[in-house]
């Protein structure tokens, strides 16, 4: 017996991808470009990063609603500078 779903066929077959790049711009930028390409092909994207990184990439996105930006606040970590959210926040 086949179960009846309340979701439309489109909703049942929509693929949702979560992108969670390493917190370095050398990783964030290519993940963002991949996210845009996947979104153009109909994928729903949740792009996860720290609040400051999300703020930096907002202007690089279209407002078509296929990519959701998800802020993930980072806890303080012993040995890292306060407020460090990416590798650019670390001393060389």
PDB file of N, CA and C in Angstrom:
ATOM      1  N   UNK A   1       0.840  -1.172   0.000  1.00  0.00           N
ATOM      2  CA  UNK A   1       0.000   0.000   0.000  1.00  0.00           C
ATOM      3  C   UNK A   1       0.889   1.240   0.000  1.00  0.00           C
ATOM      4  N   UNK A   2       0.563   2.202  -0.852  1.00  0.00           N
ATOM      5  CA  UNK A   2       1.343   3.425  -0.988  1.00  0.00           C
ATOM      6  C   UNK A   2       0.817   4.488  -0.038  1.00  0.00           C
ATOM      7  N   UNK A   3       1.741   5.133   0.673  1.00  0.00           N
ATOM      8  CA  UNK A   3       1.342   6.202   1.598  1.00  0.00           C
ATOM      9  C   UNK A   3       1.039   7.478   0.849  1.00  0.00           C
ATOM     10  N   UNK A   4       0.006   8.144   1.242  1.00  0.00           N
ATOM     11  CA  UNK A   4      -0.373   9.441   0.657  1.00  0.00           C
ATOM     12  C   UNK A   4       0.379  10.539   1.397  1.00  0.00           C
ATOM     13  N   UNK A   5       0.953  11.455   0.648  1.00  0.00           N
ATOM     14  CA  UNK A   5       1.693  12.563   1.232  1.00  0.00           C
ATOM     15  C   UNK A   5       0.936  13.864   0.994  1.00  0.00           C
ATOM     16  N   UNK A   6       1.065  14.781   1.923  1.00  0.00           N
ATOM     17  CA  UNK A   6       0.457  16.100   1.766  1.00  0.00           C
ATOM     18  C   UNK A   6       1.336  17.039   0.943  1.00  0.00           C
ATOM     19  N   UNK A   7       2.539  16.590   0.579  1.00  0.00           N
ATOM     20  CA  UNK A   7       3.454  17.410  -0.196  1.00  0.00           C
ATOM     21  C   UNK A   7       3.192  17.242  -1.678  1.00  0.00           C
ATOM     22  N   UNK A   8       3.386  18.325  -2.421  1.00  0.00           N
ATOM     23  CA  UNK A   8       3.256  18.247  -3.870  1.00  0.00           C
ATOM     24  C   UNK A   8       4.429  17.450  -4.428  1.00  0.00           C
ATOM     25  N   UNK A   9       4.300  17.006  -5.678  1.00  0.00           N
ATOM     26  CA  UNK A   9       5.398  16.276  -6.317  1.00  0.00           C
ATOM     27  C   UNK A   9       6.670  17.109  -6.326  1.00  0.00           C
ATOM     28  N   UNK A  10       6.528  18.420  -6.589  1.00  0.00           N
ATOM     29  CA  UNK A  10       7.698  19.295  -6.620  1.00  0.00           C
ATOM     30  C   UNK A  10       8.378  19.331  -5.263  1.00  0.00           C
ATOM     31  N   UNK A  11       7.611  19.465  -4.194  1.00  0.00           N
ATOM     32  CA  UNK A  11       8.184  19.518  -2.852  1.00  0.00           C
ATOM     33  C   UNK A  11       8.850  18.199  -2.480  1.00  0.00           C
ATOM     34  N   UNK A  12       8.277  17.077  -2.899  1.00  0.00           N
ATOM     35  CA  UNK A  12       8.838  15.782  -2.569  1.00  0.00           C
ATOM     36  C   UNK A  12      10.183  15.564  -3.241  1.00  0.00           C
ATOM     37  N   UNK A  13      10.400  16.162  -4.402  1.00  0.00           N
ATOM     38  CA  UNK A  13      11.606  15.908  -5.166  1.00  0.00           C
ATOM     39  C   UNK A  13      12.630  17.038  -5.084  1.00  0.00           C
ATOM     40  N   UNK A  14      12.333  18.095  -4.344  1.00  0.00           N
ATOM     41  CA  UNK A  14      13.286  19.184  -4.226  1.00  0.00           C
ATOM     42  C   UNK A  14      14.464  18.735  -3.354  1.00  0.00           C
ATOM     43  N   UNK A  15      15.649  19.001  -3.841  1.00  0.00           N
ATOM     44  CA  UNK A  15      16.851  18.641  -3.098  1.00  0.00           C
ATOM     45  C   UNK A  15      17.324  19.865  -2.321  1.00  0.00           C
ATOM     46  N   UNK A  16      17.614  19.662  -1.059  1.00  0.00           N
ATOM     47  CA  UNK A  16      18.087  20.727  -0.186  1.00  0.00           C
ATOM     48  C   UNK A  16      19.519  20.385   0.209  1.00  0.00           C
ATOM     49  N   UNK A  17      20.450  21.294  -0.112  1.00  0.00           N
ATOM     50  CA  UNK A  17      21.870  21.085   0.157  1.00  0.00           C
ATOM     51  C   UNK A  17      22.317  22.064   1.235  1.00  0.00           C
ATOM     52  N   UNK A  18      23.036  21.557   2.225  1.00  0.00           N
ATOM     53  CA  UNK A  18      23.613  22.414   3.256  1.00  0.00           C
ATOM     54  C   UNK A  18      25.102  22.556   2.953  1.00  0.00           C
ATOM     55  N   UNK A  19      25.542  23.801   2.790  1.00  0.00           N
ATOM     56  CA  UNK A  19      26.948  24.112   2.532  1.00  0.00           C
ATOM     57  C   UNK A  19      27.540  24.679   3.815  1.00  0.00           C
ATOM     58  N   UNK A  20      28.611  24.063   4.287  1.00  0.00           N
ATOM     59  CA  UNK A  20      29.256  24.506   5.519  1.00  0.00           C
ATOM     60  C   UNK A  20      30.767  24.499   5.309  1.00  0.00           C
ATOM     61  N   UNK A  21      31.276  25.553   4.657  1.00  0.00           N
ATOM     62  CA  UNK A  21      32.705  25.597   4.357  1.00  0.00           C
ATOM     63  C   UNK A  21      33.554  25.882   5.600  1.00  0.00           C
ATOM     64  N   UNK A  22      34.812  25.498   5.495  1.00  0.00           N
ATOM     65  CA  UNK A  22      35.798  25.865   6.507  1.00  0.00           C
ATOM     66  C   UNK A  22      35.787  27.389   6.617  1.00  0.00           C
ATOM     67  N   UNK A  23      36.067  27.926   7.777  1.00  0.00           N
ATOM     68  CA  UNK A  23      35.956  29.367   8.024  1.00  0.00           C
ATOM     69  C   UNK A  23      37.177  30.133   7.517  1.00  0.00           C
ATOM     70  N   UNK A  24      37.430  29.992   6.233  1.00  0.00           N
ATOM     71  CA  UNK A  24      38.508  30.723   5.566  1.00  0.00           C
ATOM     72  C   UNK A  24      37.977  31.159   4.212  1.00  0.00           C
ATOM     73  N   UNK A  25      38.323  32.355   3.776  1.00  0.00           N
ATOM     74  CA  UNK A  25      37.755  32.874   2.527  1.00  0.00           C
ATOM     75  C   UNK A  25      38.169  32.042   1.317  1.00  0.00           C
ATOM     76  N   UNK A  26      39.299  31.359   1.398  1.00  0.00           N
ATOM     77  CA  UNK A  26      39.704  30.462   0.320  1.00  0.00           C
ATOM     78  C   UNK A  26      38.779  29.264   0.188  1.00  0.00           C
ATOM     79  N   UNK A  27      37.979  28.996   1.203  1.00  0.00           N
ATOM     80  CA  UNK A  27      36.979  27.929   1.161  1.00  0.00           C
ATOM     81  C   UNK A  27      35.589  28.509   0.953  1.00  0.00           C
ATOM     82  N   UNK A  28      35.311  29.635   1.603  1.00  0.00           N
ATOM     83  CA  UNK A  28      33.983  30.248   1.525  1.00  0.00           C
ATOM     84  C   UNK A  28      33.653  30.656   0.095  1.00  0.00           C
ATOM     85  N   UNK A  29      34.573  31.294  -0.588  1.00  0.00           N
ATOM     86  CA  UNK A  29      34.308  31.781  -1.950  1.00  0.00           C
ATOM     87  C   UNK A  29      33.947  30.657  -2.920  1.00  0.00           C
ATOM     88  N   UNK A  30      34.722  29.570  -3.000  1.00  0.00           N
ATOM     89  CA  UNK A  30      34.337  28.503  -3.920  1.00  0.00           C
ATOM     90  C   UNK A  30      33.026  27.806  -3.518  1.00  0.00           C
ATOM     91  N   UNK A  31      32.788  27.662  -2.218  1.00  0.00           N
ATOM     92  CA  UNK A  31      31.526  27.064  -1.773  1.00  0.00           C
ATOM     93  C   UNK A  31      30.359  27.954  -2.170  1.00  0.00           C
ATOM     94  N   UNK A  32      30.549  29.268  -2.091  1.00  0.00           N
ATOM     95  CA  UNK A  32      29.492  30.197  -2.487  1.00  0.00           C
ATOM     96  C   UNK A  32      29.222  30.096  -3.984  1.00  0.00           C
ATOM     97  N   UNK A  33      30.280  30.020  -4.789  1.00  0.00           N
ATOM     98  CA  UNK A  33      30.100  29.881  -6.241  1.00  0.00           C
ATOM     99  C   UNK A  33      29.391  28.572  -6.575  1.00  0.00           C
ATOM    100  N   UNK A  34      29.768  27.494  -5.914  1.00  0.00           N
ATOM    101  CA  UNK A  34      29.088  26.209  -6.128  1.00  0.00           C
ATOM    102  C   UNK A  34      27.622  26.320  -5.713  1.00  0.00           C
ATOM    103  N   UNK A  35      27.357  27.006  -4.611  1.00  0.00           N
ATOM    104  CA  UNK A  35      25.977  27.207  -4.150  1.00  0.00           C
ATOM    105  C   UNK A  35      25.148  27.938  -5.199  1.00  0.00           C
ATOM    106  N   UNK A  36      25.713  28.991  -5.788  1.00  0.00           N
ATOM    107  CA  UNK A  36      24.999  29.750  -6.820  1.00  0.00           C
ATOM    108  C   UNK A  36      24.684  28.873  -8.029  1.00  0.00           C
ATOM    109  N   UNK A  37      25.643  28.070  -8.442  1.00  0.00           N
ATOM    110  CA  UNK A  37      25.423  27.200  -9.606  1.00  0.00           C
ATOM    111  C   UNK A  37      24.358  26.152  -9.321  1.00  0.00           C
ATOM    112  N   UNK A  38      24.421  25.565  -8.143  1.00  0.00           N
ATOM    113  CA  UNK A  38      23.406  24.575  -7.778  1.00  0.00           C
ATOM    114  C   UNK A  38      22.027  25.225  -7.699  1.00  0.00           C
ATOM    115  N   UNK A  39      21.960  26.429  -7.148  1.00  0.00           N
ATOM    116  CA  UNK A  39      20.682  27.142  -7.040  1.00  0.00           C
ATOM    117  C   UNK A  39      20.101  27.431  -8.422  1.00  0.00           C
ATOM    118  N   UNK A  40      20.966  27.784  -9.382  1.00  0.00           N
ATOM    119  CA  UNK A  40      20.480  28.038 -10.743  1.00  0.00           C
ATOM    120  C   UNK A  40      19.890  26.782 -11.371  1.00  0.00           C
ATOM    121  N   UNK A  41      20.284  25.629 -10.882  1.00  0.00           N
ATOM    122  CA  UNK A  41      19.749  24.361 -11.389  1.00  0.00           C
ATOM    123  C   UNK A  41      18.593  23.840 -10.537  1.00  0.00           C
ATOM    124  N   UNK A  42      18.072  24.690  -9.650  1.00  0.00           N
ATOM    125  CA  UNK A  42      16.867  24.338  -8.909  1.00  0.00           C
ATOM    126  C   UNK A  42      17.072  23.769  -7.527  1.00  0.00           C
ATOM    127  N   UNK A  43      18.301  23.661  -7.071  1.00  0.00           N
ATOM    128  CA  UNK A  43      18.544  23.155  -5.727  1.00  0.00           C
ATOM    129  C   UNK A  43      18.275  24.248  -4.699  1.00  0.00           C
ATOM    130  N   UNK A  44      17.786  23.856  -3.555  1.00  0.00           N
ATOM    131  CA  UNK A  44      17.609  24.754  -2.411  1.00  0.00           C
ATOM    132  C   UNK A  44      18.888  24.656  -1.589  1.00  0.00           C
ATOM    133  N   UNK A  45      19.491  25.803  -1.244  1.00  0.00           N
ATOM    134  CA  UNK A  45      20.771  25.821  -0.546  1.00  0.00           C
ATOM    135  C   UNK A  45      20.637  26.531   0.797  1.00  0.00           C
ATOM    136  N   UNK A  46      21.206  25.932   1.832  1.00  0.00           N
ATOM    137  CA  UNK A  46      21.408  26.610   3.108  1.00  0.00           C
ATOM    138  C   UNK A  46      22.913  26.775   3.265  1.00  0.00           C
ATOM    139  N   UNK A  47      23.369  28.012   3.284  1.00  0.00           N
ATOM    140  CA  UNK A  47      24.791  28.323   3.387  1.00  0.00           C
ATOM    141  C   UNK A  47      25.065  28.744   4.822  1.00  0.00           C
ATOM    142  N   UNK A  48      25.871  27.948   5.528  1.00  0.00           N
ATOM    143  CA  UNK A  48      26.121  28.151   6.954  1.00  0.00           C
ATOM    144  C   UNK A  48      27.521  28.716   7.161  1.00  0.00           C
ATOM    145  N   UNK A  49      27.607  29.786   7.956  1.00  0.00           N
ATOM    146  CA  UNK A  49      28.901  30.345   8.324  1.00  0.00           C
ATOM    147  C   UNK A  49      28.710  31.263   9.525  1.00  0.00           C
ATOM    148  N   UNK A  50      29.796  31.836   9.965  1.00  0.00           N
ATOM    149  CA  UNK A  50      29.734  32.740  11.122  1.00  0.00           C
ATOM    150  C   UNK A  50      29.019  34.039  10.718  1.00  0.00           C
ATOM    151  N   UNK A  51      28.472  34.757  11.694  1.00  0.00           N
ATOM    152  CA  UNK A  51      27.742  35.989  11.377  1.00  0.00           C
ATOM    153  C   UNK A  51      28.544  37.002  10.554  1.00  0.00           C
ATOM    154  N   UNK A  52      29.804  37.216  10.877  1.00  0.00           N
ATOM    155  CA  UNK A  52      30.605  38.200  10.140  1.00  0.00           C
ATOM    156  C   UNK A  52      30.852  37.737   8.703  1.00  0.00           C
ATOM    157  N   UNK A  53      31.089  36.442   8.506  1.00  0.00           N
ATOM    158  CA  UNK A  53      31.271  35.922   7.147  1.00  0.00           C
ATOM    159  C   UNK A  53      29.984  36.039   6.336  1.00  0.00           C
ATOM    160  N   UNK A  54      28.862  35.749   6.954  1.00  0.00           N
ATOM    161  CA  UNK A  54      27.568  35.866   6.270  1.00  0.00           C
ATOM    162  C   UNK A  54      27.339  37.315   5.836  1.00  0.00           C
ATOM    163  N   UNK A  55      27.658  38.252   6.714  1.00  0.00           N
ATOM    164  CA  UNK A  55      27.486  39.676   6.384  1.00  0.00           C
ATOM    165  C   UNK A  55      28.326  40.055   5.166  1.00  0.00           C
ATOM    166  N   UNK A  56      29.534  39.511   5.075  1.00  0.00           N
ATOM    167  CA  UNK A  56      30.420  39.834   3.956  1.00  0.00           C
ATOM    168  C   UNK A  56      29.924  39.294   2.614  1.00  0.00           C
ATOM    169  N   UNK A  57      29.201  38.175   2.626  1.00  0.00           N
ATOM    170  CA  UNK A  57      28.788  37.571   1.352  1.00  0.00           C
ATOM    171  C   UNK A  57      27.367  37.934   0.922  1.00  0.00           C
ATOM    172  N   UNK A  58      26.604  38.589   1.775  1.00  0.00           N
ATOM    173  CA  UNK A  58      25.218  38.950   1.435  1.00  0.00           C
ATOM    174  C   UNK A  58      25.114  39.691   0.109  1.00  0.00           C
ATOM    175  N   UNK A  59      25.998  40.622  -0.119  1.00  0.00           N
ATOM    176  CA  UNK A  59      25.915  41.446  -1.325  1.00  0.00           C
ATOM    177  C   UNK A  59      26.291  40.663  -2.587  1.00  0.00           C
ATOM    178  N   UNK A  60      26.836  39.478  -2.446  1.00  0.00           N
ATOM    179  CA  UNK A  60      27.259  38.676  -3.588  1.00  0.00           C
ATOM    180  C   UNK A  60      26.160  37.758  -4.110  1.00  0.00           C
ATOM    181  N   UNK A  61      24.993  37.804  -3.469  1.00  0.00           N
ATOM    182  CA  UNK A  61      23.901  36.900  -3.831  1.00  0.00           C
ATOM    183  C   UNK A  61      22.751  37.621  -4.522  1.00  0.00           C
ATOM    184  N   UNK A  62      22.080  36.902  -5.416  1.00  0.00           N
ATOM    185  CA  UNK A  62      20.830  37.378  -5.988  1.00  0.00           C
ATOM    186  C   UNK A  62      19.742  37.172  -4.947  1.00  0.00           C
ATOM    187  N   UNK A  63      18.652  37.842  -5.114  1.00  0.00           N
ATOM    188  CA  UNK A  63      17.565  37.701  -4.148  1.00  0.00           C
ATOM    189  C   UNK A  63      16.468  36.783  -4.671  1.00  0.00           C
ATOM    190  N   UNK A  64      16.862  35.658  -5.282  1.00  0.00           N
ATOM    191  CA  UNK A  64      15.850  34.742  -5.819  1.00  0.00           C
ATOM    192  C   UNK A  64      15.305  33.769  -4.776  1.00  0.00           C
ATOM    193  N   UNK A  65      15.879  33.771  -3.574  1.00  0.00           N
ATOM    194  CA  UNK A  65      15.346  32.951  -2.498  1.00  0.00           C
ATOM    195  C   UNK A  65      15.797  31.502  -2.499  1.00  0.00           C
ATOM    196  N   UNK A  66      16.648  31.093  -3.418  1.00  0.00           N
ATOM    197  CA  UNK A  66      17.103  29.698  -3.470  1.00  0.00           C
ATOM    198  C   UNK A  66      18.245  29.444  -2.491  1.00  0.00           C
ATOM    199  N   UNK A  67      18.921  30.517  -2.041  1.00  0.00           N
ATOM    200  CA  UNK A  67      20.025  30.358  -1.098  1.00  0.00           C
ATOM    201  C   UNK A  67      19.662  31.079   0.194  1.00  0.00           C
ATOM    202  N   UNK A  68      19.584  30.304   1.272  1.00  0.00           N
ATOM    203  CA  UNK A  68      19.354  30.875   2.601  1.00  0.00           C
ATOM    204  C   UNK A  68      20.699  30.994   3.303  1.00  0.00           C
ATOM    205  N   UNK A  69      20.957  32.138   3.882  1.00  0.00           N
ATOM    206  CA  UNK A  69      22.167  32.339   4.659  1.00  0.00           C
ATOM    207  C   UNK A  69      21.853  32.056   6.122  1.00  0.00           C
ATOM    208  N   UNK A  70      22.603  31.157   6.706  1.00  0.00           N
ATOM    209  CA  UNK A  70      22.355  30.720   8.077  1.00  0.00           C
ATOM    210  C   UNK A  70      23.553  31.106   8.936  1.00  0.00           C
ATOM    211  N   UNK A  71      23.317  31.989   9.895  1.00  0.00           N
ATOM    212  CA  UNK A  71      24.384  32.420  10.792  1.00  0.00           C
ATOM    213  C   UNK A  71      24.543  31.416  11.923  1.00  0.00           C
ATOM    214  N   UNK A  72      25.774  30.997  12.143  1.00  0.00           N
ATOM    215  CA  UNK A  72      26.090  30.085  13.228  1.00  0.00           C
ATOM    216  C   UNK A  72      27.092  30.785  14.148  1.00  0.00           C
ATOM    217  N   UNK A  73      26.598  31.390  15.233  1.00  0.00           N
ATOM    218  CA  UNK A  73      27.512  32.069  16.150  1.00  0.00           C
ATOM    219  C   UNK A  73      28.526  31.075  16.720  1.00  0.00           C
ATOM    220  N   UNK A  74      29.746  31.525  16.834  1.00  0.00           N
ATOM    221  CA  UNK A  74      30.809  30.655  17.316  1.00  0.00           C
ATOM    222  C   UNK A  74      31.094  30.928  18.784  1.00  0.00           C
ATOM    223  N   UNK A  75      31.352  29.883  19.550  1.00  0.00           N
ATOM    224  CA  UNK A  75      31.690  30.090  20.956  1.00  0.00           C
ATOM    225  C   UNK A  75      33.128  30.586  21.095  1.00  0.00           C
ATOM    226  N   UNK A  76      33.428  31.183  22.224  1.00  0.00           N
ATOM    227  CA  UNK A  76      34.808  31.564  22.512  1.00  0.00           C
ATOM    228  C   UNK A  76      35.621  30.278  22.689  1.00  0.00           C
ATOM    229  N   UNK A  77      36.823  30.302  22.143  1.00  0.00           N
ATOM    230  CA  UNK A  77      37.698  29.129  22.232  1.00  0.00           C
ATOM    231  C   UNK A  77      39.020  29.570  22.845  1.00  0.00           C
ATOM    232  N   UNK A  78      39.436  28.867  23.867  1.00  0.00           N
ATOM    233  CA  UNK A  78      40.699  29.195  24.526  1.00  0.00           C
ATOM    234  C   UNK A  78      41.844  29.146  23.513  1.00  0.00           C
ATOM    235  N   UNK A  79      42.675  30.175  23.513  1.00  0.00           N
ATOM    236  CA  UNK A  79      43.809  30.235  22.613  1.00  0.00           C
ATOM    237  C   UNK A  79      43.541  31.020  21.335  1.00  0.00           C
ATOM    238  N   UNK A  80      42.278  31.342  21.080  1.00  0.00           N
ATOM    239  CA  UNK A  80      41.937  32.146  19.904  1.00  0.00           C
ATOM    240  C   UNK A  80      41.547  33.552  20.354  1.00  0.00           C
ATOM    241  N   UNK A  81      41.803  34.553  19.508  1.00  0.00           N
ATOM    242  CA  UNK A  81      41.410  35.921  19.883  1.00  0.00           C
ATOM    243  C   UNK A  81      39.893  36.027  20.057  1.00  0.00           C
ATOM    244  N   UNK A  82      39.443  36.864  20.988  1.00  0.00           N
ATOM    245  CA  UNK A  82      38.001  37.057  21.141  1.00  0.00           C
ATOM    246  C   UNK A  82      37.382  37.532  19.832  1.00  0.00           C
ATOM    247  N   UNK A  83      36.257  36.962  19.477  1.00  0.00           N
ATOM    248  CA  UNK A  83      35.543  37.365  18.263  1.00  0.00           C
ATOM    249  C   UNK A  83      36.107  36.790  16.975  1.00  0.00           C
ATOM    250  N   UNK A  84      37.070  35.897  17.043  1.00  0.00           N
ATOM    251  CA  UNK A  84      37.637  35.301  15.827  1.00  0.00           C
ATOM    252  C   UNK A  84      36.564  34.468  15.135  1.00  0.00           C
ATOM    253  N   UNK A  85      36.309  34.788  13.855  1.00  0.00           N
ATOM    254  CA  UNK A  85      35.289  34.071  13.088  1.00  0.00           C
ATOM    255  C   UNK A  85      35.823  33.482  11.793  1.00  0.00           C
ATOM    256  N   UNK A  86      37.046  33.806  11.441  1.00  0.00           N
ATOM    257  CA  UNK A  86      37.644  33.212  10.248  1.00  0.00           C
ATOM    258  C   UNK A  86      39.158  33.232  10.414  1.00  0.00           C
ATOM    259  N   UNK A  87      39.845  32.580   9.497  1.00  0.00           N
ATOM    260  CA  UNK A  87      41.302  32.526   9.606  1.00  0.00           C
ATOM    261  C   UNK A  87      41.926  33.904   9.443  1.00  0.00           C
ATOM    262  N   UNK A  88      41.229  34.845   8.811  1.00  0.00           N
ATOM    263  CA  UNK A  88      41.766  36.208   8.685  1.00  0.00           C
ATOM    264  C   UNK A  88      41.811  36.934  10.033  1.00  0.00           C
ATOM    265  N   UNK A  89      41.100  36.416  11.021  1.00  0.00           N
ATOM    266  CA  UNK A  89      41.097  37.020  12.347  1.00  0.00           C
ATOM    267  C   UNK A  89      42.259  36.527  13.213  1.00  0.00           C
ATOM    268  N   UNK A  90      43.058  35.621  12.679  1.00  0.00           N
ATOM    269  CA  UNK A  90      44.180  35.074  13.433  1.00  0.00           C
ATOM    270  C   UNK A  90      45.466  35.772  13.075  1.00  0.00           C
ATOM    271  N   UNK A  91      46.338  35.914  14.051  1.00  0.00           N
ATOM    272  CA  UNK A  91      47.646  36.516  13.787  1.00  0.00           C
ATOM    273  C   UNK A  91      48.510  35.514  13.056  1.00  0.00           C
ATOM    274  N   UNK A  92      49.367  36.011  12.176  1.00  0.00           N
ATOM    275  CA  UNK A  92      50.273  35.120  11.432  1.00  0.00           C
ATOM    276  C   UNK A  92      51.427  34.678  12.272  1.00  0.00           C
TER     277      UNK A  92
END
